[in-house]
Protein backbone atom coordinates (compact mmCIF):
# COMPACT_ATOMS: atom_id res chain seq x y z
CA MET A 1 9.25 -20.68 15.80
CA GLY A 2 5.73 -21.28 14.49
CA ASP A 3 2.85 -19.08 13.51
CA GLU A 4 3.06 -15.43 14.50
CA VAL A 5 0.21 -13.01 13.85
CA LEU A 6 0.83 -9.30 14.30
CA PHE A 7 -2.41 -7.47 15.07
CA VAL A 8 -2.06 -4.00 13.54
CA GLU A 9 -4.45 -1.53 15.12
CA ALA A 10 -5.28 2.11 14.53
CA GLU A 11 -3.36 4.07 11.90
CA LEU A 12 -0.81 2.58 9.53
CA GLY A 13 0.35 5.82 7.99
CA ILE A 14 3.31 8.11 7.66
CA TYR A 15 3.29 9.15 11.32
CA LYS A 16 3.15 5.58 12.67
CA VAL A 17 5.18 3.49 10.19
CA ALA A 18 8.46 3.99 12.08
CA GLN A 19 6.79 2.57 15.20
CA TRP A 20 5.41 -0.46 13.34
CA LYS A 21 8.49 -1.43 11.29
CA PRO A 22 10.40 -3.15 14.16
CA ARG A 23 7.28 -5.15 15.05
CA PHE A 24 6.87 -6.22 11.42
CA LEU A 25 10.50 -7.37 11.34
CA GLU A 26 10.04 -9.30 14.59
CA THR A 27 6.99 -11.04 13.13
CA LEU A 28 8.92 -11.97 9.98
CA ALA A 29 11.43 -13.90 12.11
CA HIS A 30 8.78 -16.58 12.74
CA ALA A 31 8.20 -19.58 10.50
CA GLU A 32 4.74 -18.50 9.34
CA PRO A 33 4.36 -14.73 9.67
CA ALA A 34 0.92 -13.14 9.33
CA LEU A 35 -0.61 -9.69 9.63
CA ASP A 36 -4.11 -8.93 10.86
CA LEU A 37 -5.14 -5.54 9.49
CA SER A 38 -8.78 -5.79 10.60
CA ALA A 39 -8.41 -2.89 13.07
CA VAL A 40 -6.50 -0.51 10.78
CA THR A 41 -8.39 2.79 10.73
CA GLU A 42 -6.25 4.56 8.13
CA MET A 43 -3.56 3.48 5.67
CA ASP A 44 -1.61 5.73 3.34
CA GLY A 45 1.29 5.28 0.92
CA ALA A 46 3.78 4.87 3.75
CA GLY A 47 1.71 2.04 5.21
CA LEU A 48 1.50 0.36 1.81
CA GLN A 49 5.24 0.74 1.42
CA LEU A 50 5.78 -0.99 4.77
CA LEU A 51 3.51 -3.87 3.73
CA LEU A 52 5.39 -4.29 0.44
CA PHE A 53 8.71 -4.18 2.31
CA ALA A 54 7.49 -6.88 4.70
CA GLN A 55 6.29 -9.02 1.79
CA ARG A 56 9.65 -8.64 0.01
CA GLU A 57 11.58 -9.52 3.20
CA ALA A 58 9.42 -12.59 3.78
CA ARG A 59 9.97 -13.82 0.23
CA ALA A 60 13.72 -13.21 0.51
CA SER A 61 13.80 -15.58 3.48
CA GLY A 62 11.64 -18.20 1.76
CA LYS A 63 8.46 -17.40 3.69
CA THR A 64 4.96 -16.32 2.76
CA LEU A 65 3.47 -13.35 4.58
CA ARG A 66 -0.25 -13.95 5.13
CA LEU A 67 -3.00 -11.42 5.75
CA THR A 68 -5.55 -12.83 8.18
CA GLY A 69 -7.89 -9.85 8.16
CA ALA A 70 -8.27 -6.41 6.62
CA SER A 71 -10.45 -3.44 7.55
CA ALA A 72 -12.27 -1.38 4.96
CA ALA A 73 -9.47 1.22 5.14
CA ALA A 74 -6.81 -1.45 4.56
CA LYS A 75 -8.78 -3.07 1.73
CA GLY A 76 -9.28 0.30 0.05
CA ALA A 77 -5.57 1.14 0.18
CA LEU A 78 -4.60 -2.31 -1.08
CA ARG A 79 -7.14 -2.07 -3.89
CA LEU A 80 -5.74 1.30 -4.97
CA ALA A 81 -2.26 -0.24 -5.04
CA GLY A 82 -3.51 -3.12 -7.19
CA GLN A 83 -2.86 -5.72 -4.49
């Protein structure tokens, strides 16, 4: 179990979060989990909540969740959340 990068594409919003959550959890099982948000076209509060959940789960298991890329939409949502 080494590096694992989950490439998140398209929308990370309320209508898609349920589809992404299992993939986030699968990524967190690896030694060095990472998310690439460079192709995210839209992110809302539900998407931010999923990212914060993933970060909390990674920390609880002694890991650091890395972001390897972020689109303008992802950066804007993270900035609004103070992240």
